[in-house]
PDB file of all heavy atoms in Angstrom:
ATOM      1  N   TRP A   1       2.852   3.122  19.827  1.00  0.00           N
ATOM      2  CA  TRP A   1       1.710   3.329  20.664  1.00  0.00           C
ATOM      3  C   TRP A   1       0.883   2.082  20.766  1.00  0.00           C
ATOM      4  O   TRP A   1       0.608   1.405  19.657  1.00  0.00           O
ATOM      5  CB  TRP A   1       0.689   4.511  20.235  1.00  0.00           C
ATOM      6  CG  TRP A   1       1.255   5.839  20.423  1.00  0.00           C
ATOM      7  CD1 TRP A   1       2.157   6.562  19.645  1.00  0.00           C
ATOM      8  CD2 TRP A   1       1.168   6.659  21.598  1.00  0.00           C
ATOM      9  NE1 TRP A   1       2.529   7.774  20.193  1.00  0.00           N
ATOM     10  CE2 TRP A   1       1.848   7.914  21.426  1.00  0.00           C
ATOM     11  CE3 TRP A   1       0.367   6.465  22.729  1.00  0.00           C
ATOM     12  CZ2 TRP A   1       1.885   8.883  22.301  1.00  0.00           C
ATOM     13  CZ3 TRP A   1       0.466   7.466  23.753  1.00  0.00           C
ATOM     14  CH2 TRP A   1       1.170   8.749  23.459  1.00  0.00           C
ATOM     15  N   PHE A   2       0.465   1.629  21.930  1.00  0.00           N
ATOM     16  CA  PHE A   2      -0.403   0.476  22.084  1.00  0.00           C
ATOM     17  C   PHE A   2      -1.622   1.030  22.875  1.00  0.00           C
ATOM     18  O   PHE A   2      -1.618   2.120  23.497  1.00  0.00           O
ATOM     19  CB  PHE A   2       0.224  -0.593  22.878  1.00  0.00           C
ATOM     20  CG  PHE A   2       1.304  -1.335  22.216  1.00  0.00           C
ATOM     21  CD1 PHE A   2       2.599  -0.728  22.073  1.00  0.00           C
ATOM     22  CD2 PHE A   2       1.006  -2.548  21.577  1.00  0.00           C
ATOM     23  CE1 PHE A   2       3.618  -1.513  21.366  1.00  0.00           C
ATOM     24  CE2 PHE A   2       2.079  -3.231  20.818  1.00  0.00           C
ATOM     25  CZ  PHE A   2       3.374  -2.662  20.657  1.00  0.00           C
ATOM     26  N   ARG A   3      -2.685   0.260  22.956  1.00  0.00           N
ATOM     27  CA  ARG A   3      -3.857   0.683  23.723  1.00  0.00           C
ATOM     28  C   ARG A   3      -4.487  -0.569  24.257  1.00  0.00           C
ATOM     29  O   ARG A   3      -4.419  -1.748  23.775  1.00  0.00           O
ATOM     30  CB  ARG A   3      -4.927   1.461  22.891  1.00  0.00           C
ATOM     31  CG  ARG A   3      -5.556   0.659  21.789  1.00  0.00           C
ATOM     32  CD  ARG A   3      -6.334   1.661  20.888  1.00  0.00           C
ATOM     33  NE  ARG A   3      -7.096   0.797  19.885  1.00  0.00           N
ATOM     34  CZ  ARG A   3      -7.810   1.445  19.003  1.00  0.00           C
ATOM     35  NH1 ARG A   3      -7.937   2.771  18.936  1.00  0.00           N
ATOM     36  NH2 ARG A   3      -8.520   0.732  18.071  1.00  0.00           N
ATOM     37  N   GLN A   4      -5.172  -0.349  25.434  1.00  0.00           N
ATOM     38  CA  GLN A   4      -5.774  -1.521  26.155  1.00  0.00           C
ATOM     39  C   GLN A   4      -7.133  -1.025  26.759  1.00  0.00           C
ATOM     40  O   GLN A   4      -7.113   0.027  27.511  1.00  0.00           O
ATOM     41  CB  GLN A   4      -4.903  -2.092  27.175  1.00  0.00           C
ATOM     42  CG  GLN A   4      -5.419  -3.433  27.813  1.00  0.00           C
ATOM     43  CD  GLN A   4      -4.431  -4.178  28.583  1.00  0.00           C
ATOM     44  OE1 GLN A   4      -3.411  -3.549  28.988  1.00  0.00           O
ATOM     45  NE2 GLN A   4      -4.597  -5.384  28.779  1.00  0.00           N
ATOM     46  N   SER A   5      -8.150  -1.703  26.413  1.00  0.00           N
ATOM     47  CA  SER A   5      -9.460  -1.408  27.015  1.00  0.00           C
ATOM     48  C   SER A   5      -9.908  -2.565  27.998  1.00  0.00           C
ATOM     49  O   SER A   5      -9.329  -3.640  27.822  1.00  0.00           O
ATOM     50  CB  SER A   5     -10.551  -1.163  25.938  1.00  0.00           C
ATOM     51  OG  SER A   5     -10.532  -2.201  24.994  1.00  0.00           O
ATOM     52  N   PRO A   6     -10.737  -2.298  28.923  1.00  0.00           N
ATOM     53  CA  PRO A   6     -11.030  -3.312  29.982  1.00  0.00           C
ATOM     54  C   PRO A   6     -11.462  -4.629  29.294  1.00  0.00           C
ATOM     55  O   PRO A   6     -12.364  -4.746  28.391  1.00  0.00           O
ATOM     56  CB  PRO A   6     -12.217  -2.683  30.667  1.00  0.00           C
ATOM     57  CG  PRO A   6     -11.995  -1.227  30.557  1.00  0.00           C
ATOM     58  CD  PRO A   6     -11.519  -1.053  29.212  1.00  0.00           C
ATOM     59  N   GLY A   7     -10.923  -5.732  29.785  1.00  0.00           N
ATOM     60  CA  GLY A   7     -11.299  -7.117  29.308  1.00  0.00           C
ATOM     61  C   GLY A   7     -10.583  -7.492  27.968  1.00  0.00           C
ATOM     62  O   GLY A   7     -10.856  -8.553  27.430  1.00  0.00           O
ATOM     63  N   LYS A   8      -9.845  -6.638  27.372  1.00  0.00           N
ATOM     64  CA  LYS A   8      -9.160  -6.898  26.117  1.00  0.00           C
ATOM     65  C   LYS A   8      -7.682  -6.942  26.269  1.00  0.00           C
ATOM     66  O   LYS A   8      -7.139  -6.251  27.178  1.00  0.00           O
ATOM     67  CB  LYS A   8      -9.612  -5.856  25.037  1.00  0.00           C
ATOM     68  CG  LYS A   8     -11.103  -5.953  24.718  1.00  0.00           C
ATOM     69  CD  LYS A   8     -11.390  -4.936  23.600  1.00  0.00           C
ATOM     70  CE  LYS A   8     -12.858  -5.094  23.163  1.00  0.00           C
ATOM     71  NZ  LYS A   8     -13.115  -4.155  22.076  1.00  0.00           N
ATOM     72  N   GLU A   9      -7.029  -7.611  25.371  1.00  0.00           N
ATOM     73  CA  GLU A   9      -5.525  -7.581  25.270  1.00  0.00           C
ATOM     74  C   GLU A   9      -5.032  -6.251  24.807  1.00  0.00           C
ATOM     75  O   GLU A   9      -5.689  -5.546  24.067  1.00  0.00           O
ATOM     76  CB  GLU A   9      -5.020  -8.715  24.461  1.00  0.00           C
ATOM     77  CG  GLU A   9      -5.411 -10.094  25.003  1.00  0.00           C
ATOM     78  CD  GLU A   9      -4.650 -11.218  24.280  1.00  0.00           C
ATOM     79  OE1 GLU A   9      -3.961 -10.943  23.214  1.00  0.00           O
ATOM     80  OE2 GLU A   9      -4.759 -12.371  24.697  1.00  0.00           O
ATOM     81  N   ARG A  10      -3.723  -5.916  25.147  1.00  0.00           N
ATOM     82  CA  ARG A  10      -3.178  -4.772  24.710  1.00  0.00           C
ATOM     83  C   ARG A  10      -2.935  -4.858  23.191  1.00  0.00           C
ATOM     84  O   ARG A  10      -2.419  -5.914  22.690  1.00  0.00           O
ATOM     85  CB  ARG A  10      -1.866  -4.529  25.444  1.00  0.00           C
ATOM     86  CG  ARG A  10      -1.155  -3.190  25.144  1.00  0.00           C
ATOM     87  CD  ARG A  10      -0.075  -2.916  26.151  1.00  0.00           C
ATOM     88  NE  ARG A  10      -0.450  -2.871  27.412  1.00  0.00           N
ATOM     89  CZ  ARG A  10       0.309  -2.473  28.465  1.00  0.00           C
ATOM     90  NH1 ARG A  10       1.492  -2.245  28.279  1.00  0.00           N
ATOM     91  NH2 ARG A  10      -0.214  -2.376  29.714  1.00  0.00           N
ATOM     92  N   GLU A  11      -3.348  -3.963  22.386  1.00  0.00           N
ATOM     93  CA  GLU A  11      -3.181  -4.042  21.006  1.00  0.00           C
ATOM     94  C   GLU A  11      -2.342  -2.880  20.291  1.00  0.00           C
ATOM     95  O   GLU A  11      -2.274  -1.749  20.892  1.00  0.00           O
ATOM     96  CB  GLU A  11      -4.579  -3.929  20.305  1.00  0.00           C
ATOM     97  CG  GLU A  11      -5.270  -2.667  20.540  1.00  0.00           C
ATOM     98  CD  GLU A  11      -6.671  -2.603  19.603  1.00  0.00           C
ATOM     99  OE1 GLU A  11      -6.802  -3.535  18.802  1.00  0.00           O
ATOM    100  OE2 GLU A  11      -7.373  -1.631  19.809  1.00  0.00           O
ATOM    101  N   PHE A  12      -1.698  -3.155  19.240  1.00  0.00           N
ATOM    102  CA  PHE A  12      -0.750  -2.245  18.635  1.00  0.00           C
ATOM    103  C   PHE A  12      -1.606  -1.190  17.928  1.00  0.00           C
ATOM    104  O   PHE A  12      -2.703  -1.400  17.349  1.00  0.00           O
ATOM    105  CB  PHE A  12       0.005  -2.991  17.523  1.00  0.00           C
ATOM    106  CG  PHE A  12       0.737  -2.118  16.705  1.00  0.00           C
ATOM    107  CD1 PHE A  12       1.972  -1.491  17.018  1.00  0.00           C
ATOM    108  CD2 PHE A  12       0.302  -1.901  15.290  1.00  0.00           C
ATOM    109  CE1 PHE A  12       2.701  -0.679  16.057  1.00  0.00           C
ATOM    110  CE2 PHE A  12       0.969  -1.082  14.469  1.00  0.00           C
ATOM    111  CZ  PHE A  12       2.178  -0.454  14.838  1.00  0.00           C
ATOM    112  N   VAL A  13      -1.156   0.082  18.003  1.00  0.00           N
ATOM    113  CA  VAL A  13      -1.854   1.118  17.255  1.00  0.00           C
ATOM    114  C   VAL A  13      -0.984   1.758  16.135  1.00  0.00           C
ATOM    115  O   VAL A  13      -1.464   1.872  15.048  1.00  0.00           O
ATOM    116  CB  VAL A  13      -2.164   2.300  18.306  1.00  0.00           C
ATOM    117  CG1 VAL A  13      -2.914   3.532  17.524  1.00  0.00           C
ATOM    118  CG2 VAL A  13      -3.124   1.796  19.382  1.00  0.00           C
ATOM    119  N   ALA A  14       0.260   2.174  16.513  1.00  0.00           N
ATOM    120  CA  ALA A  14       1.109   2.800  15.475  1.00  0.00           C
ATOM    121  C   ALA A  14       2.562   2.780  15.965  1.00  0.00           C
ATOM    122  O   ALA A  14       2.842   2.690  17.195  1.00  0.00           O
ATOM    123  CB  ALA A  14       0.609   4.285  15.220  1.00  0.00           C
ATOM    124  N   SER A  15       3.547   2.835  15.104  1.00  0.00           N
ATOM    125  CA  SER A  15       4.883   2.887  15.398  1.00  0.00           C
ATOM    126  C   SER A  15       5.632   3.776  14.390  1.00  0.00           C
ATOM    127  O   SER A  15       5.321   4.048  13.289  1.00  0.00           O
ATOM    128  CB  SER A  15       5.532   1.500  15.422  1.00  0.00           C
ATOM    129  OG  SER A  15       5.665   1.006  14.030  1.00  0.00           O
ATOM    130  N   ILE A  16       6.788   4.335  14.929  1.00  0.00           N
ATOM    131  CA  ILE A  16       7.675   5.007  14.181  1.00  0.00           C
ATOM    132  C   ILE A  16       9.127   4.722  14.648  1.00  0.00           C
ATOM    133  O   ILE A  16       9.355   4.627  15.773  1.00  0.00           O
ATOM    134  CB  ILE A  16       7.404   6.562  14.278  1.00  0.00           C
ATOM    135  CG1 ILE A  16       8.270   7.342  13.304  1.00  0.00           C
ATOM    136  CG2 ILE A  16       7.688   7.048  15.697  1.00  0.00           C
ATOM    137  CD1 ILE A  16       7.773   8.860  13.157  1.00  0.00           C
ATOM    138  N   ASN A  17       9.997   4.487  13.607  1.00  0.00           N
ATOM    139  CA  ASN A  17      11.451   4.311  14.083  1.00  0.00           C
ATOM    140  C   ASN A  17      12.209   5.525  14.268  1.00  0.00           C
ATOM    141  O   ASN A  17      11.730   6.586  14.120  1.00  0.00           O
ATOM    142  CB  ASN A  17      12.081   3.284  13.036  1.00  0.00           C
ATOM    143  CG  ASN A  17      12.501   3.944  11.784  1.00  0.00           C
ATOM    144  OD1 ASN A  17      11.713   4.824  11.287  1.00  0.00           O
ATOM    145  ND2 ASN A  17      13.655   3.585  11.386  1.00  0.00           N
ATOM    146  N   TRP A  18      13.552   5.297  14.693  1.00  0.00           N
ATOM    147  CA  TRP A  18      14.336   6.409  15.119  1.00  0.00           C
ATOM    148  C   TRP A  18      14.571   7.460  14.161  1.00  0.00           C
ATOM    149  O   TRP A  18      14.600   8.700  14.450  1.00  0.00           O
ATOM    150  CB  TRP A  18      15.688   5.938  15.619  1.00  0.00           C
ATOM    151  CG  TRP A  18      16.541   5.334  14.507  1.00  0.00           C
ATOM    152  CD1 TRP A  18      16.344   4.105  13.885  1.00  0.00           C
ATOM    153  CD2 TRP A  18      17.501   6.011  13.745  1.00  0.00           C
ATOM    154  NE1 TRP A  18      17.290   3.977  12.873  1.00  0.00           N
ATOM    155  CE2 TRP A  18      17.993   5.052  12.782  1.00  0.00           C
ATOM    156  CE3 TRP A  18      18.118   7.262  13.940  1.00  0.00           C
ATOM    157  CZ2 TRP A  18      19.051   5.436  11.861  1.00  0.00           C
ATOM    158  CZ3 TRP A  18      19.114   7.547  13.029  1.00  0.00           C
ATOM    159  CH2 TRP A  18      19.558   6.637  12.106  1.00  0.00           C
ATOM    160  N   ASN A  19      14.463   7.165  12.819  1.00  0.00           N
ATOM    161  CA  ASN A  19      14.680   8.256  11.849  1.00  0.00           C
ATOM    162  C   ASN A  19      13.502   8.610  11.056  1.00  0.00           C
ATOM    163  O   ASN A  19      13.550   9.360  10.099  1.00  0.00           O
ATOM    164  CB  ASN A  19      15.854   7.842  10.863  1.00  0.00           C
ATOM    165  CG  ASN A  19      15.377   6.591  10.092  1.00  0.00           C
ATOM    166  OD1 ASN A  19      14.379   6.122  10.136  1.00  0.00           O
ATOM    167  ND2 ASN A  19      16.346   6.173   9.122  1.00  0.00           N
ATOM    168  N   GLY A  20      12.314   8.089  11.530  1.00  0.00           N
ATOM    169  CA  GLY A  20      11.090   8.338  10.887  1.00  0.00           C
ATOM    170  C   GLY A  20      10.860   7.674   9.558  1.00  0.00           C
ATOM    171  O   GLY A  20       9.833   7.970   8.938  1.00  0.00           O
ATOM    172  N   ALA A  21      11.766   6.775   9.061  1.00  0.00           N
ATOM    173  CA  ALA A  21      11.591   6.191   7.794  1.00  0.00           C
ATOM    174  C   ALA A  21      10.663   5.000   7.774  1.00  0.00           C
ATOM    175  O   ALA A  21      10.166   4.700   6.722  1.00  0.00           O
ATOM    176  CB  ALA A  21      13.034   5.618   7.428  1.00  0.00           C
ATOM    177  N   ASN A  22      10.390   4.480   8.900  1.00  0.00           N
ATOM    178  CA  ASN A  22       9.375   3.288   8.987  1.00  0.00           C
ATOM    179  C   ASN A  22       8.233   3.588   9.907  1.00  0.00           C
ATOM    180  O   ASN A  22       8.446   3.774  11.099  1.00  0.00           O
ATOM    181  CB  ASN A  22      10.084   2.056   9.399  1.00  0.00           C
ATOM    182  CG  ASN A  22      11.205   1.632   8.451  1.00  0.00           C
ATOM    183  OD1 ASN A  22      12.366   1.975   8.637  1.00  0.00           O
ATOM    184  ND2 ASN A  22      10.874   0.905   7.434  1.00  0.00           N
ATOM    185  N   ILE A  23       7.120   3.733   9.338  1.00  0.00           N
ATOM    186  CA  ILE A  23       5.818   4.021  10.104  1.00  0.00           C
ATOM    187  C   ILE A  23       4.801   3.017   9.792  1.00  0.00           C
ATOM    188  O   ILE A  23       4.583   2.706   8.511  1.00  0.00           O
ATOM    189  CB  ILE A  23       5.399   5.380   9.670  1.00  0.00           C
ATOM    190  CG1 ILE A  23       6.341   6.550  10.177  1.00  0.00           C
ATOM    191  CG2 ILE A  23       4.009   5.694  10.247  1.00  0.00           C
ATOM    192  CD1 ILE A  23       5.924   7.906   9.824  1.00  0.00           C
ATOM    193  N   TYR A  24       4.131   2.556  10.791  1.00  0.00           N
ATOM    194  CA  TYR A  24       3.127   1.467  10.595  1.00  0.00           C
ATOM    195  C   TYR A  24       1.898   1.894  11.507  1.00  0.00           C
ATOM    196  O   TYR A  24       2.108   2.366  12.574  1.00  0.00           O
ATOM    197  CB  TYR A  24       3.589   0.083  10.988  1.00  0.00           C
ATOM    198  CG  TYR A  24       4.745  -0.326  10.151  1.00  0.00           C
ATOM    199  CD1 TYR A  24       6.058  -0.449  10.710  1.00  0.00           C
ATOM    200  CD2 TYR A  24       4.646  -0.891   8.935  1.00  0.00           C
ATOM    201  CE1 TYR A  24       7.204  -0.881  10.092  1.00  0.00           C
ATOM    202  CE2 TYR A  24       5.757  -1.295   8.252  1.00  0.00           C
ATOM    203  CZ  TYR A  24       6.965  -1.357   8.848  1.00  0.00           C
ATOM    204  OH  TYR A  24       8.021  -1.730   8.083  1.00  0.00           O
ATOM    205  N   TYR A  25       0.679   1.456  10.903  1.00  0.00           N
ATOM    206  CA  TYR A  25      -0.510   1.669  11.604  1.00  0.00           C
ATOM    207  C   TYR A  25      -1.326   0.361  11.767  1.00  0.00           C
ATOM    208  O   TYR A  25      -1.278  -0.523  10.800  1.00  0.00           O
ATOM    209  CB  TYR A  25      -1.368   2.801  10.979  1.00  0.00           C
ATOM    210  CG  TYR A  25      -0.838   4.104  10.951  1.00  0.00           C
ATOM    211  CD1 TYR A  25      -0.103   4.565   9.769  1.00  0.00           C
ATOM    212  CD2 TYR A  25      -0.864   4.915  11.942  1.00  0.00           C
ATOM    213  CE1 TYR A  25       0.575   5.817   9.735  1.00  0.00           C
ATOM    214  CE2 TYR A  25      -0.235   6.245  12.011  1.00  0.00           C
ATOM    215  CZ  TYR A  25       0.405   6.626  10.877  1.00  0.00           C
ATOM    216  OH  TYR A  25       0.962   7.909  10.814  1.00  0.00           O
ATOM    217  N   ALA A  26      -2.039   0.271  12.760  1.00  0.00           N
ATOM    218  CA  ALA A  26      -3.142  -0.813  12.852  1.00  0.00           C
ATOM    219  C   ALA A  26      -4.246  -0.495  11.751  1.00  0.00           C
ATOM    220  O   ALA A  26      -4.543   0.668  11.534  1.00  0.00           O
ATOM    221  CB  ALA A  26      -3.839  -0.961  14.210  1.00  0.00           C
ATOM    222  N   ASP A  27      -4.768  -1.516  11.153  1.00  0.00           N
ATOM    223  CA  ASP A  27      -5.851  -1.291  10.070  1.00  0.00           C
ATOM    224  C   ASP A  27      -6.974  -0.413  10.765  1.00  0.00           C
ATOM    225  O   ASP A  27      -7.625   0.337  10.103  1.00  0.00           O
ATOM    226  CB  ASP A  27      -6.363  -2.568   9.617  1.00  0.00           C
ATOM    227  CG  ASP A  27      -5.275  -3.222   8.726  1.00  0.00           C
ATOM    228  OD1 ASP A  27      -4.364  -2.557   8.287  1.00  0.00           O
ATOM    229  OD2 ASP A  27      -5.469  -4.443   8.467  1.00  0.00           O
ATOM    230  N   SER A  28      -7.253  -0.654  12.084  1.00  0.00           N
ATOM    231  CA  SER A  28      -8.392  -0.009  12.652  1.00  0.00           C
ATOM    232  C   SER A  28      -8.257   1.542  12.831  1.00  0.00           C
ATOM    233  O   SER A  28      -9.241   2.190  13.096  1.00  0.00           O
ATOM    234  CB  SER A  28      -8.647  -0.617  13.983  1.00  0.00           C
ATOM    235  OG  SER A  28      -7.513  -0.507  14.922  1.00  0.00           O
ATOM    236  N   VAL A  29      -7.018   2.030  12.672  1.00  0.00           N
ATOM    237  CA  VAL A  29      -6.791   3.490  12.894  1.00  0.00           C
ATOM    238  C   VAL A  29      -6.220   4.137  11.626  1.00  0.00           C
ATOM    239  O   VAL A  29      -6.068   5.291  11.666  1.00  0.00           O
ATOM    240  CB  VAL A  29      -5.883   3.775  14.056  1.00  0.00           C
ATOM    241  CG1 VAL A  29      -6.393   3.098  15.393  1.00  0.00           C
ATOM    242  CG2 VAL A  29      -4.455   3.339  13.764  1.00  0.00           C
ATOM    243  N   LYS A  30      -5.898   3.377  10.639  1.00  0.00           N
ATOM    244  CA  LYS A  30      -5.291   3.819   9.417  1.00  0.00           C
ATOM    245  C   LYS A  30      -6.235   4.883   8.718  1.00  0.00           C
ATOM    246  O   LYS A  30      -7.431   4.644   8.595  1.00  0.00           O
ATOM    247  CB  LYS A  30      -4.956   2.670   8.457  1.00  0.00           C
ATOM    248  CG  LYS A  30      -3.965   3.072   7.415  1.00  0.00           C
ATOM    249  CD  LYS A  30      -3.577   1.762   6.661  1.00  0.00           C
ATOM    250  CE  LYS A  30      -2.923   0.788   7.473  1.00  0.00           C
ATOM    251  NZ  LYS A  30      -2.462  -0.432   6.643  1.00  0.00           N
ATOM    252  N   GLY A  31      -5.601   5.989   8.447  1.00  0.00           N
ATOM    253  CA  GLY A  31      -6.430   7.061   7.824  1.00  0.00           C
ATOM    254  C   GLY A  31      -6.948   8.060   8.836  1.00  0.00           C
ATOM    255  O   GLY A  31      -7.500   9.099   8.413  1.00  0.00           O
ATOM    256  N   ARG A  32      -6.978   7.681  10.152  1.00  0.00           N
ATOM    257  CA  ARG A  32      -7.551   8.501  11.096  1.00  0.00           C
ATOM    258  C   ARG A  32      -6.453   8.939  12.120  1.00  0.00           C
ATOM    259  O   ARG A  32      -6.513  10.162  12.711  1.00  0.00           O
ATOM    260  CB  ARG A  32      -8.591   7.879  11.889  1.00  0.00           C
ATOM    261  CG  ARG A  32      -9.842   7.289  11.173  1.00  0.00           C
ATOM    262  CD  ARG A  32     -10.898   6.853  11.979  1.00  0.00           C
ATOM    263  NE  ARG A  32     -10.552   5.643  12.668  1.00  0.00           N
ATOM    264  CZ  ARG A  32     -10.524   5.552  13.980  1.00  0.00           C
ATOM    265  NH1 ARG A  32     -11.021   6.475  14.781  1.00  0.00           N
ATOM    266  NH2 ARG A  32     -10.217   4.428  14.677  1.00  0.00           N
ATOM    267  N   PHE A  33      -5.460   8.185  12.451  1.00  0.00           N
ATOM    268  CA  PHE A  33      -4.404   8.527  13.353  1.00  0.00           C
ATOM    269  C   PHE A  33      -3.136   8.824  12.589  1.00  0.00           C
ATOM    270  O   PHE A  33      -2.841   8.176  11.438  1.00  0.00           O
ATOM    271  CB  PHE A  33      -4.142   7.388  14.259  1.00  0.00           C
ATOM    272  CG  PHE A  33      -5.218   7.138  15.274  1.00  0.00           C
ATOM    273  CD1 PHE A  33      -6.436   7.738  15.192  1.00  0.00           C
ATOM    274  CD2 PHE A  33      -5.024   6.230  16.361  1.00  0.00           C
ATOM    275  CE1 PHE A  33      -7.491   7.420  16.165  1.00  0.00           C
ATOM    276  CE2 PHE A  33      -5.996   5.935  17.274  1.00  0.00           C
ATOM    277  CZ  PHE A  33      -7.285   6.679  17.181  1.00  0.00           C
ATOM    278  N   THR A  34      -2.345   9.674  13.069  1.00  0.00           N
ATOM    279  CA  THR A  34      -1.092   9.979  12.453  1.00  0.00           C
ATOM    280  C   THR A  34       0.067  10.070  13.517  1.00  0.00           C
ATOM    281  O   THR A  34      -0.087  10.789  14.545  1.00  0.00           O
ATOM    282  CB  THR A  34      -1.106  11.368  11.750  1.00  0.00           C
ATOM    283  OG1 THR A  34      -2.186  11.440  10.777  1.00  0.00           O
ATOM    284  CG2 THR A  34       0.265  11.650  11.089  1.00  0.00           C
ATOM    285  N   ILE A  35       1.158   9.284  13.247  1.00  0.00           N
ATOM    286  CA  ILE A  35       2.297   9.316  14.306  1.00  0.00           C
ATOM    287  C   ILE A  35       3.437  10.174  13.696  1.00  0.00           C
ATOM    288  O   ILE A  35       3.678   9.988  12.560  1.00  0.00           O
ATOM    289  CB  ILE A  35       2.761   7.831  14.620  1.00  0.00           C
ATOM    290  CG1 ILE A  35       3.661   7.830  15.795  1.00  0.00           C
ATOM    291  CG2 ILE A  35       3.263   7.223  13.343  1.00  0.00           C
ATOM    292  CD1 ILE A  35       3.869   6.432  16.377  1.00  0.00           C
ATOM    293  N   SER A  36       4.056  10.901  14.495  1.00  0.00           N
ATOM    294  CA  SER A  36       5.166  11.809  14.076  1.00  0.00           C
ATOM    295  C   SER A  36       6.191  11.906  15.199  1.00  0.00           C
ATOM    296  O   SER A  36       5.875  11.596  16.462  1.00  0.00           O
ATOM    297  CB  SER A  36       4.696  13.084  13.640  1.00  0.00           C
ATOM    298  OG  SER A  36       4.017  13.820  14.607  1.00  0.00           O
ATOM    299  N   LYS A  37       7.401  12.469  14.962  1.00  0.00           N
ATOM    300  CA  LYS A  37       8.449  12.690  15.829  1.00  0.00           C
ATOM    301  C   LYS A  37       8.841  14.045  15.994  1.00  0.00           C
ATOM    302  O   LYS A  37       8.950  14.718  14.902  1.00  0.00           O
ATOM    303  CB  LYS A  37       9.560  11.816  15.625  1.00  0.00           C
ATOM    304  CG  LYS A  37       9.416  10.320  15.821  1.00  0.00           C
ATOM    305  CD  LYS A  37      10.656   9.465  15.426  1.00  0.00           C
ATOM    306  CE  LYS A  37      11.778   9.590  16.324  1.00  0.00           C
ATOM    307  NZ  LYS A  37      12.706  10.631  16.125  1.00  0.00           N
ATOM    308  N   ASP A  38       9.198  14.629  17.016  1.00  0.00           N
ATOM    309  CA  ASP A  38       9.803  15.911  17.254  1.00  0.00           C
ATOM    310  C   ASP A  38      11.124  15.671  17.872  1.00  0.00           C
ATOM    311  O   ASP A  38      11.259  15.386  19.113  1.00  0.00           O
ATOM    312  CB  ASP A  38       8.975  16.779  18.219  1.00  0.00           C
ATOM    313  CG  ASP A  38       9.512  18.191  18.289  1.00  0.00           C
ATOM    314  OD1 ASP A  38      10.732  18.357  18.170  1.00  0.00           O
ATOM    315  OD2 ASP A  38       8.841  19.128  18.668  1.00  0.00           O
ATOM    316  N   ASN A  39      12.164  15.499  17.018  1.00  0.00           N
ATOM    317  CA  ASN A  39      13.457  15.102  17.526  1.00  0.00           C
ATOM    318  C   ASN A  39      14.104  16.116  18.446  1.00  0.00           C
ATOM    319  O   ASN A  39      14.731  15.732  19.450  1.00  0.00           O
ATOM    320  CB  ASN A  39      14.408  14.836  16.355  1.00  0.00           C
ATOM    321  CG  ASN A  39      14.130  13.665  15.544  1.00  0.00           C
ATOM    322  OD1 ASN A  39      13.634  12.650  16.110  1.00  0.00           O
ATOM    323  ND2 ASN A  39      14.278  13.748  14.212  1.00  0.00           N
ATOM    324  N   ASP A  40      13.821  17.316  18.300  1.00  0.00           N
ATOM    325  CA  ASP A  40      14.343  18.351  19.245  1.00  0.00           C
ATOM    326  C   ASP A  40      13.887  18.097  20.698  1.00  0.00           C
ATOM    327  O   ASP A  40      14.486  18.505  21.670  1.00  0.00           O
ATOM    328  CB  ASP A  40      14.056  19.705  18.801  1.00  0.00           C
ATOM    329  CG  ASP A  40      14.811  20.127  17.492  1.00  0.00           C
ATOM    330  OD1 ASP A  40      15.837  19.465  17.210  1.00  0.00           O
ATOM    331  OD2 ASP A  40      14.321  21.071  16.790  1.00  0.00           O
ATOM    332  N   LYS A  41      12.587  17.727  20.836  1.00  0.00           N
ATOM    333  CA  LYS A  41      11.979  17.520  22.100  1.00  0.00           C
ATOM    334  C   LYS A  41      11.906  16.094  22.536  1.00  0.00           C
ATOM    335  O   LYS A  41      11.400  15.859  23.568  1.00  0.00           O
ATOM    336  CB  LYS A  41      10.557  18.049  22.081  1.00  0.00           C
ATOM    337  CG  LYS A  41      10.532  19.573  21.734  1.00  0.00           C
ATOM    338  CD  LYS A  41       9.066  20.187  21.716  1.00  0.00           C
ATOM    339  CE  LYS A  41       9.116  21.581  21.431  1.00  0.00           C
ATOM    340  NZ  LYS A  41       7.632  22.076  21.445  1.00  0.00           N
ATOM    341  N   ASN A  42      12.507  15.184  21.740  1.00  0.00           N
ATOM    342  CA  ASN A  42      12.385  13.752  22.103  1.00  0.00           C
ATOM    343  C   ASN A  42      11.081  13.307  22.366  1.00  0.00           C
ATOM    344  O   ASN A  42      10.722  12.642  23.397  1.00  0.00           O
ATOM    345  CB  ASN A  42      13.388  13.461  23.307  1.00  0.00           C
ATOM    346  CG  ASN A  42      14.834  13.419  22.968  1.00  0.00           C
ATOM    347  OD1 ASN A  42      15.162  13.130  21.795  1.00  0.00           O
ATOM    348  ND2 ASN A  42      15.629  13.659  23.856  1.00  0.00           N
ATOM    349  N   THR A  43      10.126  13.743  21.515  1.00  0.00           N
ATOM    350  CA  THR A  43       8.775  13.488  21.765  1.00  0.00           C
ATOM    351  C   THR A  43       8.110  12.797  20.520  1.00  0.00           C
ATOM    352  O   THR A  43       8.459  13.125  19.387  1.00  0.00           O
ATOM    353  CB  THR A  43       7.963  14.810  22.035  1.00  0.00           C
ATOM    354  OG1 THR A  43       8.513  15.375  23.162  1.00  0.00           O
ATOM    355  CG2 THR A  43       6.450  14.628  22.162  1.00  0.00           C
ATOM    356  N   VAL A  44       7.147  11.895  20.796  1.00  0.00           N
ATOM    357  CA  VAL A  44       6.512  11.255  19.664  1.00  0.00           C
ATOM    358  C   VAL A  44       4.938  11.695  19.846  1.00  0.00           C
ATOM    359  O   VAL A  44       4.445  11.670  20.982  1.00  0.00           O
ATOM    360  CB  VAL A  44       6.589   9.706  19.718  1.00  0.00           C
ATOM    361  CG1 VAL A  44       5.584   9.070  18.669  1.00  0.00           C
ATOM    362  CG2 VAL A  44       8.021   9.358  19.223  1.00  0.00           C
TER     363      VAL A  44
END
């Protein structure tokens, strides 16, 4: 997930790899945002 607000560059928010083993967060959202995968629905 990335995000972009007016007048600012697109910034990284969070990521998850194909098997869920590697998850990263931007410092600005760590502890508040959670990324997860639903493999059955091909949804993050």
